Amino acid sequence: MPQQTTGPFLFQQQATIEKPFAPNFGKSAGPSVPEISRPMAAATKGFQHDLNSEGVLAQGTSPAAFSPLTNAIQQAAINLQADERVHAVEKMKDKSLLKETEGTKESKIKLYCHRCCSKGHVMAGCVAPLFCQICEANDHVAVKCPHKKNPRPVAHMVGYARDELGFFHIPHGPVKTPKKSPSTALVKVIGGQLSEEELVGHLQRLVPGSWNWDVEVYDLNEWVVSFPSKAELHRSINFGTADLKNNLFLKFEEFNEDENFGHELPSIWMQVTNLPRVFRKYNTLWAIGSLFGATQKVDMITSRKHRVGRFQVGVLNVDLVPTQMDVVIGDRYLELEFVIEKTCG
């Protein structure tokens, strides 16, 4: 009778123990190998001894009844150790591959410099000269130019207080035309770049005497320079290319500027005499000036202190500027009166 109860009991225990592992071992329905193998493998060594101590196998039952479970646990532990060894070897291969490709084409393709925005190196080791083709600055490249973040200017129709005064205006700062003189030279930097201070230092060393050097950027690696005299300029030209060492050279040429810079618009100061105080604001006065031409300045000190709005404007013809205008500001219709100051700016 004890053998009859022991046999079914062991069969039942074997079925309940093997069921989670045998059909679903390593599948998504049950736990994966790495999750169950570590604790189970540690307990495998004393598994048979524990069963004997509890008397489960004491009645003649063979330990072979538990062999599938024991083999599965041991195999899971072996597989886990094998996987860990494979991963360790792969990591070692990756490290050796990085060392082998360091300094080669394969590694340079993956590198990117955020200073000069080019591939093949990183910012810490970048020695490339910087020059912006947009604003001609030498502290960044065109991709990072701050001008690209600013609103784009557009042409405005201004001066249409009268048809004869109207034109399209594109905002721009004051234009400084290059100085035209027989002693003005075009200095070209060959083999690299120089800052304004560096160029002045080389000119002071190459040209004798004390001279206040005035240099202006003309193009990439080209400067417009005023020499002390025409004779000194020709001496530098006849001397040939000046060697600055470090593969840098200066080449001197006569500067011949043939560009047409147009003519400067006459500029006048105007006052609007009957503009209510609530409208004597900077933006409003700037807009009023655009009725006659291109507004250049707004005098807010005078506009606040007195009962007038004062502004400076460039016009096509001073004689055609009207002194009365009907204007709508916001939702207010106003008949404005203007005075042209006698002194032109």
C-alpha atoms as a PDB file:
ATOM      1  CA  MET A   1       0.000   0.000   0.000  1.00  0.00           C
ATOM      2  CA  PRO A   2       2.769   2.545   0.744  1.00  0.00           C
ATOM      3  CA  GLN A   3       4.241   1.830  -2.690  1.00  0.00           C
ATOM      4  CA  GLN A   4       0.885   2.481  -4.320  1.00  0.00           C
ATOM      5  CA  THR A   5       0.534   5.883  -2.652  1.00  0.00           C
ATOM      6  CA  THR A   6       4.163   6.815  -3.228  1.00  0.00           C
ATOM      7  CA  GLY A   7       4.109   6.113  -6.948  1.00  0.00           C
ATOM      8  CA  PRO A   8       1.161   8.391  -7.852  1.00  0.00           C
ATOM      9  CA  PHE A   9       2.411  11.021  -5.414  1.00  0.00           C
ATOM     10  CA  LEU A  10       5.805  11.190  -7.082  1.00  0.00           C
ATOM     11  CA  PHE A  11       4.256  11.215 -10.543  1.00  0.00           C
ATOM     12  CA  GLN A  12       2.021  14.056  -9.551  1.00  0.00           C
ATOM     13  CA  GLN A  13       4.907  16.061  -8.093  1.00  0.00           C
ATOM     14  CA  GLN A  14       6.975  15.426 -11.176  1.00  0.00           C
ATOM     15  CA  ALA A  15       4.186  16.669 -13.432  1.00  0.00           C
ATOM     16  CA  THR A  16       3.582  19.827 -11.434  1.00  0.00           C
ATOM     17  CA  ILE A  17       7.260  20.648 -11.219  1.00  0.00           C
ATOM     18  CA  GLU A  18       8.086  19.981 -14.847  1.00  0.00           C
ATOM     19  CA  LYS A  19       5.022  21.699 -16.310  1.00  0.00           C
ATOM     20  CA  PRO A  20       6.290  25.301 -16.062  1.00  0.00           C
ATOM     21  CA  PHE A  21       9.659  24.374 -17.512  1.00  0.00           C
ATOM     22  CA  ALA A  22       9.309  21.548 -20.040  1.00  0.00           C
ATOM     23  CA  PRO A  23       6.586  22.867 -22.397  1.00  0.00           C
ATOM     24  CA  ASN A  24       7.326  26.621 -22.011  1.00  0.00           C
ATOM     25  CA  PHE A  25      11.025  26.658 -21.274  1.00  0.00           C
ATOM     26  CA  GLY A  26      12.585  29.721 -22.980  1.00  0.00           C
ATOM     27  CA  LYS A  27       9.255  30.812 -24.567  1.00  0.00           C
ATOM     28  CA  SER A  28       7.377  34.042 -24.094  1.00  0.00           C
ATOM     29  CA  ALA A  29       4.651  32.360 -22.016  1.00  0.00           C
ATOM     30  CA  GLY A  30       7.091  31.540 -19.200  1.00  0.00           C
ATOM     31  CA  PRO A  31      10.196  33.131 -17.720  1.00  0.00           C
ATOM     32  CA  SER A  32      13.227  33.487 -19.968  1.00  0.00           C
ATOM     33  CA  VAL A  33      16.450  31.597 -19.385  1.00  0.00           C
ATOM     34  CA  PRO A  34      18.441  34.444 -17.814  1.00  0.00           C
ATOM     35  CA  GLU A  35      15.620  35.124 -15.328  1.00  0.00           C
ATOM     36  CA  ILE A  36      15.344  31.591 -13.888  1.00  0.00           C
ATOM     37  CA  SER A  37      18.702  29.963 -14.535  1.00  0.00           C
ATOM     38  CA  ARG A  38      20.860  31.756 -11.930  1.00  0.00           C
ATOM     39  CA  PRO A  39      18.884  30.882  -8.756  1.00  0.00           C
ATOM     40  CA  MET A  40      17.848  27.455 -10.066  1.00  0.00           C
ATOM     41  CA  ALA A  41      21.372  26.475 -11.057  1.00  0.00           C
ATOM     42  CA  ALA A  42      22.646  27.389  -7.610  1.00  0.00           C
ATOM     43  CA  ALA A  43      20.094  25.035  -6.029  1.00  0.00           C
ATOM     44  CA  THR A  44      20.733  22.103  -8.392  1.00  0.00           C
ATOM     45  CA  LYS A  45      23.809  20.866  -6.558  1.00  0.00           C
ATOM     46  CA  GLY A  46      21.934  19.878  -3.396  1.00  0.00           C
ATOM     47  CA  PHE A  47      18.585  19.163  -5.005  1.00  0.00           C
ATOM     48  CA  GLN A  48      18.783  15.339  -4.764  1.00  0.00           C
ATOM     49  CA  HIS A  49      20.169  15.402  -1.246  1.00  0.00           C
ATOM     50  CA  ASP A  50      17.273  17.583  -0.035  1.00  0.00           C
ATOM     51  CA  LEU A  51      14.696  15.152  -1.437  1.00  0.00           C
ATOM     52  CA  ASN A  52      16.349  12.166   0.260  1.00  0.00           C
ATOM     53  CA  SER A  53      16.512  14.029   3.567  1.00  0.00           C
ATOM     54  CA  GLU A  54      12.772  14.640   3.455  1.00  0.00           C
ATOM     55  CA  GLY A  55      12.045  10.964   2.796  1.00  0.00           C
ATOM     56  CA  VAL A  56      10.500  11.483  -0.600  1.00  0.00           C
ATOM     57  CA  LEU A  57      12.802   8.919  -2.209  1.00  0.00           C
ATOM     58  CA  ALA A  58      13.133   6.749   0.866  1.00  0.00           C
ATOM     59  CA  GLN A  59      10.614   4.149  -0.269  1.00  0.00           C
ATOM     60  CA  GLY A  60      12.590   2.822  -3.221  1.00  0.00           C
ATOM     61  CA  THR A  61      11.785   5.470  -5.810  1.00  0.00           C
ATOM     62  CA  SER A  62      14.607   6.059  -8.278  1.00  0.00           C
ATOM     63  CA  PRO A  63      16.143   9.531  -8.560  1.00  0.00           C
ATOM     64  CA  ALA A  64      15.719   9.186 -12.326  1.00  0.00           C
ATOM     65  CA  ALA A  65      12.148  10.485 -11.908  1.00  0.00           C
ATOM     66  CA  PHE A  66      13.577  13.992 -11.401  1.00  0.00           C
ATOM     67  CA  SER A  67      16.279  13.810 -14.091  1.00  0.00           C
ATOM     68  CA  PRO A  68      14.409  15.953 -16.719  1.00  0.00           C
ATOM     69  CA  LEU A  69      14.061  18.865 -14.287  1.00  0.00           C
ATOM     70  CA  THR A  70      17.664  18.578 -13.100  1.00  0.00           C
ATOM     71  CA  ASN A  71      19.005  18.402 -16.647  1.00  0.00           C
ATOM     72  CA  ALA A  72      16.932  21.420 -17.722  1.00  0.00           C
ATOM     73  CA  ILE A  73      18.237  23.556 -14.852  1.00  0.00           C
ATOM     74  CA  GLN A  74      21.823  22.519 -15.442  1.00  0.00           C
ATOM     75  CA  GLN A  75      21.526  23.157 -19.183  1.00  0.00           C
ATOM     76  CA  ALA A  76      20.063  26.627 -18.546  1.00  0.00           C
ATOM     77  CA  ALA A  77      23.024  27.495 -16.311  1.00  0.00           C
ATOM     78  CA  ILE A  78      25.461  26.273 -18.962  1.00  0.00           C
ATOM     79  CA  ASN A  79      23.706  28.298 -21.682  1.00  0.00           C
ATOM     80  CA  LEU A  80      23.800  31.447 -19.533  1.00  0.00           C
ATOM     81  CA  GLN A  81      27.519  31.091 -18.919  1.00  0.00           C
ATOM     82  CA  ALA A  82      28.107  30.529 -22.620  1.00  0.00           C
ATOM     83  CA  ASP A  83      26.104  33.663 -23.513  1.00  0.00           C
ATOM     84  CA  GLU A  84      28.084  35.756 -21.051  1.00  0.00           C
ATOM     85  CA  ARG A  85      31.350  34.518 -22.516  1.00  0.00           C
ATOM     86  CA  VAL A  86      30.152  35.366 -26.039  1.00  0.00           C
ATOM     87  CA  HIS A  87      29.173  38.904 -24.989  1.00  0.00           C
ATOM     88  CA  ALA A  88      32.533  39.434 -23.305  1.00  0.00           C
ATOM     89  CA  VAL A  89      34.367  38.334 -26.447  1.00  0.00           C
ATOM     90  CA  GLU A  90      32.247  40.653 -28.622  1.00  0.00           C
ATOM     91  CA  LYS A  91      33.029  43.619 -26.366  1.00  0.00           C
ATOM     92  CA  MET A  92      36.729  42.861 -26.614  1.00  0.00           C
ATOM     93  CA  LYS A  93      36.446  42.691 -30.409  1.00  0.00           C
ATOM     94  CA  ASP A  94      34.677  46.087 -30.499  1.00  0.00           C
ATOM     95  CA  LYS A  95      37.399  47.696 -28.408  1.00  0.00           C
ATOM     96  CA  SER A  96      40.158  46.224 -30.542  1.00  0.00           C
ATOM     97  CA  LEU A  97      38.312  47.347 -33.680  1.00  0.00           C
ATOM     98  CA  LEU A  98      38.147  50.912 -32.395  1.00  0.00           C
ATOM     99  CA  LYS A  99      41.874  50.857 -31.712  1.00  0.00           C
ATOM    100  CA  GLU A 100      42.611  49.429 -35.150  1.00  0.00           C
ATOM    101  CA  THR A 101      40.428  51.997 -36.974  1.00  0.00           C
ATOM    102  CA  GLU A 102      41.626  54.950 -34.912  1.00  0.00           C
ATOM    103  CA  GLY A 103      43.204  57.494 -37.255  1.00  0.00           C
ATOM    104  CA  THR A 104      41.993  55.697 -40.373  1.00  0.00           C
ATOM    105  CA  LYS A 105      39.370  56.652 -42.944  1.00  0.00           C
ATOM    106  CA  GLU A 106      36.809  54.391 -41.353  1.00  0.00           C
ATOM    107  CA  SER A 107      36.962  56.199 -38.009  1.00  0.00           C
ATOM    108  CA  LYS A 108      37.190  59.696 -39.492  1.00  0.00           C
ATOM    109  CA  ILE A 109      33.909  59.251 -41.351  1.00  0.00           C
ATOM    110  CA  LYS A 110      32.072  58.979 -38.030  1.00  0.00           C
ATOM    111  CA  LEU A 111      33.718  62.099 -36.497  1.00  0.00           C
ATOM    112  CA  TYR A 112      32.141  65.568 -36.790  1.00  0.00           C
ATOM    113  CA  CYS A 113      33.461  68.959 -35.700  1.00  0.00           C
ATOM    114  CA  HIS A 114      30.926  71.448 -34.311  1.00  0.00           C
ATOM    115  CA  ARG A 115      33.434  74.312 -34.682  1.00  0.00           C
ATOM    116  CA  CYS A 116      34.058  74.260 -38.435  1.00  0.00           C
ATOM    117  CA  CYS A 117      31.055  71.998 -39.207  1.00  0.00           C
ATOM    118  CA  SER A 118      33.042  69.426 -41.161  1.00  0.00           C
ATOM    119  CA  LYS A 119      33.657  65.693 -40.856  1.00  0.00           C
ATOM    120  CA  GLY A 120      36.829  63.805 -40.028  1.00  0.00           C
ATOM    121  CA  HIS A 121      37.773  65.335 -36.668  1.00  0.00           C
ATOM    122  CA  VAL A 122      36.312  66.721 -33.445  1.00  0.00           C
ATOM    123  CA  MET A 123      36.160  70.253 -32.040  1.00  0.00           C
ATOM    124  CA  ALA A 124      38.928  69.680 -29.466  1.00  0.00           C
ATOM    125  CA  GLY A 125      41.489  69.040 -32.222  1.00  0.00           C
ATOM    126  CA  CYS A 126      40.162  71.520 -34.812  1.00  0.00           C
ATOM    127  CA  VAL A 127      42.723  73.971 -36.219  1.00  0.00           C
ATOM    128  CA  ALA A 128      40.813  74.958 -39.365  1.00  0.00           C
ATOM    129  CA  PRO A 129      40.649  78.728 -40.022  1.00  0.00           C
ATOM    130  CA  LEU A 130      37.149  80.135 -39.657  1.00  0.00           C
ATOM    131  CA  PHE A 131      35.560  82.557 -42.120  1.00  0.00           C
ATOM    132  CA  CYS A 132      31.906  83.349 -42.723  1.00  0.00           C
ATOM    133  CA  GLN A 133      30.963  83.927 -46.348  1.00  0.00           C
ATOM    134  CA  ILE A 134      27.798  85.740 -45.222  1.00  0.00           C
ATOM    135  CA  CYS A 135      29.066  88.410 -42.811  1.00  0.00           C
ATOM    136  CA  GLU A 136      32.844  88.063 -43.444  1.00  0.00           C
ATOM    137  CA  ALA A 137      33.574  87.369 -39.768  1.00  0.00           C
ATOM    138  CA  ASN A 138      36.488  85.142 -38.773  1.00  0.00           C
ATOM    139  CA  ASP A 139      35.026  83.591 -35.623  1.00  0.00           C
ATOM    140  CA  HIS A 140      32.424  81.285 -37.195  1.00  0.00           C
ATOM    141  CA  VAL A 141      31.423  79.605 -40.458  1.00  0.00           C
ATOM    142  CA  ALA A 142      28.457  80.438 -42.671  1.00  0.00           C
ATOM    143  CA  VAL A 143      26.320  77.608 -41.271  1.00  0.00           C
ATOM    144  CA  LYS A 144      26.403  79.259 -37.837  1.00  0.00           C
ATOM    145  CA  CYS A 145      26.088  82.880 -38.981  1.00  0.00           C
ATOM    146  CA  PRO A 146      23.745  84.855 -36.672  1.00  0.00           C
ATOM    147  CA  HIS A 147      22.361  86.718 -39.691  1.00  0.00           C
ATOM    148  CA  LYS A 148      20.573  83.532 -40.747  1.00  0.00           C
ATOM    149  CA  LYS A 149      18.484  83.709 -37.567  1.00  0.00           C
ATOM    150  CA  ASN A 150      17.378  87.311 -38.126  1.00  0.00           C
ATOM    151  CA  PRO A 151      14.191  88.189 -40.022  1.00  0.00           C
ATOM    152  CA  ARG A 152      14.774  88.533 -43.761  1.00  0.00           C
ATOM    153  CA  PRO A 153      14.500  92.145 -45.000  1.00  0.00           C
ATOM    154  CA  VAL A 154      12.041  93.034 -47.739  1.00  0.00           C
ATOM    155  CA  ALA A 155      11.630  96.042 -50.022  1.00  0.00           C
ATOM    156  CA  HIS A 156       9.077  98.611 -48.837  1.00  0.00           C
ATOM    157  CA  MET A 157       7.175 101.162 -50.868  1.00  0.00           C
ATOM    158  CA  VAL A 158       7.954 104.561 -49.321  1.00  0.00           C
ATOM    159  CA  GLY A 159       7.616 108.222 -50.236  1.00  0.00           C
ATOM    160  CA  TYR A 160       4.177 107.948 -51.794  1.00  0.00           C
ATOM    161  CA  ALA A 161       2.898 111.139 -50.250  1.00  0.00           C
ATOM    162  CA  ARG A 162       3.355 112.179 -53.883  1.00  0.00           C
ATOM    163  CA  ASP A 163       3.936 109.976 -56.867  1.00  0.00           C
ATOM    164  CA  GLU A 164       7.155 111.812 -57.709  1.00  0.00           C
ATOM    165  CA  LEU A 165       8.593 110.966 -54.276  1.00  0.00           C
ATOM    166  CA  GLY A 166       7.758 107.250 -54.246  1.00  0.00           C
ATOM    167  CA  PHE A 167      10.343 104.477 -54.480  1.00  0.00           C
ATOM    168  CA  PHE A 168      11.097 100.989 -53.188  1.00  0.00           C
ATOM    169  CA  HIS A 169      13.353 101.003 -50.150  1.00  0.00           C
ATOM    170  CA  ILE A 170      15.517  98.112 -48.909  1.00  0.00           C
ATOM    171  CA  PRO A 171      16.875  98.631 -45.367  1.00  0.00           C
ATOM    172  CA  HIS A 172      20.674  98.856 -45.165  1.00  0.00           C
ATOM    173  CA  GLY A 173      23.242 100.514 -42.960  1.00  0.00           C
ATOM    174  CA  PRO A 174      25.323 103.496 -44.055  1.00  0.00           C
ATOM    175  CA  VAL A 175      27.524 102.666 -47.036  1.00  0.00           C
ATOM    176  CA  LYS A 176      31.217 103.440 -46.567  1.00  0.00           C
ATOM    177  CA  THR A 177      32.765 103.600 -50.014  1.00  0.00           C
ATOM    178  CA  PRO A 178      36.437 102.615 -50.304  1.00  0.00           C
ATOM    179  CA  LYS A 179      38.836 105.496 -50.393  1.00  0.00           C
ATOM    180  CA  LYS A 180      40.009 106.334 -53.902  1.00  0.00           C
ATOM    181  CA  SER A 181      43.594 107.502 -53.800  1.00  0.00           C
ATOM    182  CA  PRO A 182      46.771 106.831 -55.801  1.00  0.00           C
ATOM    183  CA  SER A 183      48.263 105.406 -52.606  1.00  0.00           C
ATOM    184  CA  THR A 184      45.450 102.913 -51.956  1.00  0.00           C
ATOM    185  CA  ALA A 185      46.481  99.271 -52.304  1.00  0.00           C
ATOM    186  CA  LEU A 186      44.768  95.920 -52.487  1.00  0.00           C
ATOM    187  CA  VAL A 187      46.657  93.563 -50.161  1.00  0.00           C
ATOM    188  CA  LYS A 188      46.068  89.835 -50.671  1.00  0.00           C
ATOM    189  CA  VAL A 189      46.900  87.237 -48.028  1.00  0.00           C
ATOM    190  CA  ILE A 190      48.151  84.000 -49.620  1.00  0.00           C
ATOM    191  CA  GLY A 191      48.354  80.666 -47.801  1.00  0.00           C
ATOM    192  CA  GLY A 192      46.043  81.441 -44.889  1.00  0.00           C
ATOM    193  CA  GLN A 193      44.220  84.180 -43.050  1.00  0.00           C
ATOM    194  CA  LEU A 194      45.177  87.201 -40.950  1.00  0.00           C
ATOM    195  CA  SER A 195      43.187  89.287 -38.530  1.00  0.00           C
ATOM    196  CA  GLU A 196      43.156  93.070 -38.835  1.00  0.00           C
ATOM    197  CA  GLU A 197      45.611  93.432 -35.935  1.00  0.00           C
ATOM    198  CA  GLU A 198      47.979  90.858 -37.420  1.00  0.00           C
ATOM    199  CA  LEU A 199      47.928  92.544 -40.843  1.00  0.00           C
ATOM    200  CA  VAL A 200      48.667  95.965 -39.324  1.00  0.00           C
ATOM    201  CA  GLY A 201      51.566  94.465 -37.384  1.00  0.00           C
ATOM    202  CA  HIS A 202      53.132  93.010 -40.539  1.00  0.00           C
ATOM    203  CA  LEU A 203      52.662  96.294 -42.436  1.00  0.00           C
ATOM    204  CA  GLN A 204      54.368  98.219 -39.643  1.00  0.00           C
ATOM    205  CA  ARG A 205      57.298  95.825 -39.884  1.00  0.00           C
ATOM    206  CA  LEU A 206      57.521  95.865 -43.711  1.00  0.00           C
ATOM    207  CA  VAL A 207      57.009  99.594 -44.355  1.00  0.00           C
ATOM    208  CA  PRO A 208      59.407 101.981 -42.599  1.00  0.00           C
ATOM    209  CA  GLY A 209      58.215 104.991 -40.659  1.00  0.00           C
ATOM    210  CA  SER A 210      55.286 105.598 -38.340  1.00  0.00           C
ATOM    211  CA  TRP A 211      51.984 105.496 -40.168  1.00  0.00           C
ATOM    212  CA  ASN A 212      48.456 105.103 -38.876  1.00  0.00           C
ATOM    213  CA  TRP A 213      47.390 102.130 -40.990  1.00  0.00           C
ATOM    214  CA  ASP A 214      43.744 102.106 -42.062  1.00  0.00           C
ATOM    215  CA  VAL A 215      42.674  98.681 -43.366  1.00  0.00           C
ATOM    216  CA  GLU A 216      39.263  97.507 -44.542  1.00  0.00           C
ATOM    217  CA  VAL A 217      38.037  94.034 -45.492  1.00  0.00           C
ATOM    218  CA  TYR A 218      37.428  93.842 -49.239  1.00  0.00           C
ATOM    219  CA  ASP A 219      36.951  90.113 -49.838  1.00  0.00           C
ATOM    220  CA  LEU A 220      38.106  86.785 -48.449  1.00  0.00           C
ATOM    221  CA  ASN A 221      41.803  87.248 -47.569  1.00  0.00           C
ATOM    222  CA  GLU A 222      41.822  90.633 -49.327  1.00  0.00           C
ATOM    223  CA  TRP A 223      42.179  94.046 -47.684  1.00  0.00           C
ATOM    224  CA  VAL A 224      42.027  97.647 -48.900  1.00  0.00           C
ATOM    225  CA  VAL A 225      44.937  99.544 -47.348  1.00  0.00           C
ATOM    226  CA  SER A 226      45.975 103.202 -47.534  1.00  0.00           C
ATOM    227  CA  PHE A 227      49.753 103.586 -47.863  1.00  0.00           C
ATOM    228  CA  PRO A 228      51.720 106.623 -46.655  1.00  0.00           C
ATOM    229  CA  SER A 229      52.487 107.638 -50.241  1.00  0.00           C
ATOM    230  CA  LYS A 230      52.247 106.484 -53.820  1.00  0.00           C
ATOM    231  CA  ALA A 231      56.011 105.973 -53.916  1.00  0.00           C
ATOM    232  CA  GLU A 232      55.886 103.697 -50.876  1.00  0.00           C
ATOM    233  CA  LEU A 233      53.089 101.672 -52.476  1.00  0.00           C
ATOM    234  CA  HIS A 234      55.065 101.175 -55.700  1.00  0.00           C
ATOM    235  CA  ARG A 235      58.161 100.195 -53.694  1.00  0.00           C
ATOM    236  CA  SER A 236      56.122  97.440 -51.999  1.00  0.00           C
ATOM    237  CA  ILE A 237      54.676  96.308 -55.342  1.00  0.00           C
ATOM    238  CA  ASN A 238      58.124  96.176 -56.983  1.00  0.00           C
ATOM    239  CA  PHE A 239      59.543  94.319 -53.997  1.00  0.00           C
ATOM    240  CA  GLY A 240      57.267  91.414 -54.830  1.00  0.00           C
ATOM    241  CA  THR A 241      55.511  88.965 -52.517  1.00  0.00           C
ATOM    242  CA  ALA A 242      56.414  89.427 -48.867  1.00  0.00           C
ATOM    243  CA  ASP A 243      57.195  86.190 -47.025  1.00  0.00           C
ATOM    244  CA  LEU A 244      55.655  86.179 -43.532  1.00  0.00           C
ATOM    245  CA  LYS A 245      56.901  82.642 -42.762  1.00  0.00           C
ATOM    246  CA  ASN A 246      54.570  79.796 -41.769  1.00  0.00           C
ATOM    247  CA  ASN A 247      53.634  79.575 -45.488  1.00  0.00           C
ATOM    248  CA  LEU A 248      51.944  83.005 -45.371  1.00  0.00           C
ATOM    249  CA  PHE A 249      52.607  85.682 -48.003  1.00  0.00           C
ATOM    250  CA  LEU A 250      51.431  89.235 -48.741  1.00  0.00           C
ATOM    251  CA  LYS A 251      50.902  90.417 -52.297  1.00  0.00           C
ATOM    252  CA  PHE A 252      50.470  94.155 -53.053  1.00  0.00           C
ATOM    253  CA  GLU A 253      48.501  95.617 -55.956  1.00  0.00           C
ATOM    254  CA  GLU A 254      47.081  98.993 -56.865  1.00  0.00           C
ATOM    255  CA  PHE A 255      43.436  99.269 -55.902  1.00  0.00           C
ATOM    256  CA  ASN A 256      41.171 100.149 -58.812  1.00  0.00           C
ATOM    257  CA  GLU A 257      37.533 100.311 -57.789  1.00  0.00           C
ATOM    258  CA  ASP A 258      35.130 100.656 -60.680  1.00  0.00           C
ATOM    259  CA  GLU A 259      31.854  99.898 -58.889  1.00  0.00           C
ATOM    260  CA  ASN A 260      29.004 102.370 -59.105  1.00  0.00           C
ATOM    261  CA  PHE A 261      27.738 103.185 -55.624  1.00  0.00           C
ATOM    262  CA  GLY A 262      24.951 105.421 -56.869  1.00  0.00           C
ATOM    263  CA  HIS A 263      24.268 108.803 -55.305  1.00  0.00           C
ATOM    264  CA  GLU A 264      23.295 109.542 -51.741  1.00  0.00           C
ATOM    265  CA  LEU A 265      19.745 110.704 -51.108  1.00  0.00           C
ATOM    266  CA  PRO A 266      19.331 114.204 -49.667  1.00  0.00           C
ATOM    267  CA  SER A 267      18.381 113.973 -46.013  1.00  0.00           C
ATOM    268  CA  ILE A 268      16.052 116.384 -44.218  1.00  0.00           C
ATOM    269  CA  TRP A 269      14.662 116.812 -40.711  1.00  0.00           C
ATOM    270  CA  MET A 270      10.904 117.192 -40.465  1.00  0.00           C
ATOM    271  CA  GLN A 271       8.393 117.939 -37.705  1.00  0.00           C
ATOM    272  CA  VAL A 272       4.758 116.920 -37.481  1.00  0.00           C
ATOM    273  CA  THR A 273       3.186 119.742 -35.512  1.00  0.00           C
ATOM    274  CA  ASN A 274      -0.340 118.569 -34.651  1.00  0.00           C
ATOM    275  CA  LEU A 275       0.167 114.896 -33.802  1.00  0.00           C
ATOM    276  CA  PRO A 276      -1.557 113.950 -30.503  1.00  0.00           C
ATOM    277  CA  ARG A 277       0.749 112.857 -27.699  1.00  0.00           C
ATOM    278  CA  VAL A 278      -0.662 109.302 -27.681  1.00  0.00           C
ATOM    279  CA  PHE A 279       0.704 108.875 -31.227  1.00  0.00           C
ATOM    280  CA  ARG A 280       4.119 110.486 -30.605  1.00  0.00           C
ATOM    281  CA  LYS A 281       5.807 107.097 -30.273  1.00  0.00           C
ATOM    282  CA  TYR A 282       8.989 105.855 -31.904  1.00  0.00           C
ATOM    283  CA  ASN A 283       7.368 103.342 -34.286  1.00  0.00           C
ATOM    284  CA  THR A 284       4.563 105.706 -35.257  1.00  0.00           C
ATOM    285  CA  LEU A 285       6.948 108.553 -36.104  1.00  0.00           C
ATOM    286  CA  TRP A 286       9.127 106.145 -38.079  1.00  0.00           C
ATOM    287  CA  ALA A 287       6.087 105.109 -40.132  1.00  0.00           C
ATOM    288  CA  ILE A 288       5.086 108.740 -40.715  1.00  0.00           C
ATOM    289  CA  GLY A 289       8.564 109.466 -42.057  1.00  0.00           C
ATOM    290  CA  SER A 290       8.152 106.666 -44.624  1.00  0.00           C
ATOM    291  CA  LEU A 291       5.362 108.698 -46.249  1.00  0.00           C
ATOM    292  CA  PHE A 292       8.028 111.006 -47.691  1.00  0.00           C
ATOM    293  CA  GLY A 293      10.970 108.638 -48.164  1.00  0.00           C
ATOM    294  CA  ALA A 294      13.307 106.385 -46.196  1.00  0.00           C
ATOM    295  CA  THR A 295      13.189 107.188 -42.483  1.00  0.00           C
ATOM    296  CA  GLN A 296      16.675 107.372 -40.981  1.00  0.00           C
ATOM    297  CA  LYS A 297      16.262 108.646 -37.410  1.00  0.00           C
ATOM    298  CA  VAL A 298      13.587 109.585 -34.873  1.00  0.00           C
ATOM    299  CA  ASP A 299      14.342 112.276 -32.274  1.00  0.00           C
ATOM    300  CA  MET A 300      12.415 111.037 -29.216  1.00  0.00           C
ATOM    301  CA  ILE A 301      13.984 113.601 -26.867  1.00  0.00           C
ATOM    302  CA  THR A 302      12.468 116.506 -28.779  1.00  0.00           C
ATOM    303  CA  SER A 303       9.255 114.581 -29.436  1.00  0.00           C
ATOM    304  CA  ARG A 304       8.685 114.054 -25.698  1.00  0.00           C
ATOM    305  CA  LYS A 305       9.787 117.500 -24.594  1.00  0.00           C
ATOM    306  CA  HIS A 306       7.780 119.509 -27.120  1.00  0.00           C
ATOM    307  CA  ARG A 307       4.399 119.197 -28.794  1.00  0.00           C
ATOM    308  CA  VAL A 308       5.926 117.984 -32.084  1.00  0.00           C
ATOM    309  CA  GLY A 309       7.179 114.739 -33.552  1.00  0.00           C
ATOM    310  CA  ARG A 310      10.661 115.028 -35.092  1.00  0.00           C
ATOM    311  CA  PHE A 311      12.298 112.641 -37.555  1.00  0.00           C
ATOM    312  CA  GLN A 312      14.948 112.507 -40.283  1.00  0.00           C
ATOM    313  CA  VAL A 313      14.144 111.136 -43.723  1.00  0.00           C
ATOM    314  CA  GLY A 314      15.946 110.623 -47.032  1.00  0.00           C
ATOM    315  CA  VAL A 315      13.908 111.886 -49.982  1.00  0.00           C
ATOM    316  CA  LEU A 316      14.239 112.001 -53.743  1.00  0.00           C
ATOM    317  CA  ASN A 317      13.443 115.713 -54.099  1.00  0.00           C
ATOM    318  CA  VAL A 318      13.225 118.133 -51.189  1.00  0.00           C
ATOM    319  CA  ASP A 319      11.187 120.648 -53.191  1.00  0.00           C
ATOM    320  CA  LEU A 320       8.344 118.172 -53.707  1.00  0.00           C
ATOM    321  CA  VAL A 321       7.812 117.240 -50.035  1.00  0.00           C
ATOM    322  CA  PRO A 322       4.243 118.228 -49.013  1.00  0.00           C
ATOM    323  CA  THR A 323       3.452 120.040 -45.762  1.00  0.00           C
ATOM    324  CA  GLN A 324      -0.044 118.566 -45.271  1.00  0.00           C
ATOM    325  CA  MET A 325      -1.158 114.911 -45.330  1.00  0.00           C
ATOM    326  CA  ASP A 326      -4.331 112.962 -44.514  1.00  0.00           C
ATOM    327  CA  VAL A 327      -3.329 109.889 -42.527  1.00  0.00           C
ATOM    328  CA  VAL A 328      -5.207 107.108 -40.733  1.00  0.00           C
ATOM    329  CA  ILE A 329      -3.407 105.816 -37.617  1.00  0.00           C
ATOM    330  CA  GLY A 330      -5.156 102.801 -36.166  1.00  0.00           C
ATOM    331  CA  ASP A 331      -8.806 103.740 -36.531  1.00  0.00           C
ATOM    332  CA  ARG A 332      -8.235 107.523 -36.287  1.00  0.00           C
ATOM    333  CA  TYR A 333      -8.363 109.822 -39.309  1.00  0.00           C
ATOM    334  CA  LEU A 334      -5.937 112.731 -38.918  1.00  0.00           C
ATOM    335  CA  GLU A 335      -5.099 115.798 -41.016  1.00  0.00           C
ATOM    336  CA  LEU A 336      -1.415 116.207 -40.222  1.00  0.00           C
ATOM    337  CA  GLU A 337       0.724 119.283 -40.792  1.00  0.00           C
ATOM    338  CA  PHE A 338       4.488 119.177 -41.310  1.00  0.00           C
ATOM    339  CA  VAL A 339       7.415 121.573 -41.183  1.00  0.00           C
ATOM    340  CA  ILE A 340      10.703 121.051 -43.003  1.00  0.00           C
ATOM    341  CA  GLU A 341      13.649 122.267 -40.985  1.00  0.00           C
ATOM    342  CA  LYS A 342      16.022 124.567 -42.802  1.00  0.00           C
ATOM    343  CA  THR A 343      19.209 122.831 -41.715  1.00  0.00           C
ATOM    344  CA  CYS A 344      19.686 119.607 -43.639  1.00  0.00           C
ATOM    345  CA  GLY A 345      21.317 116.615 -41.896  1.00  0.00           C
END
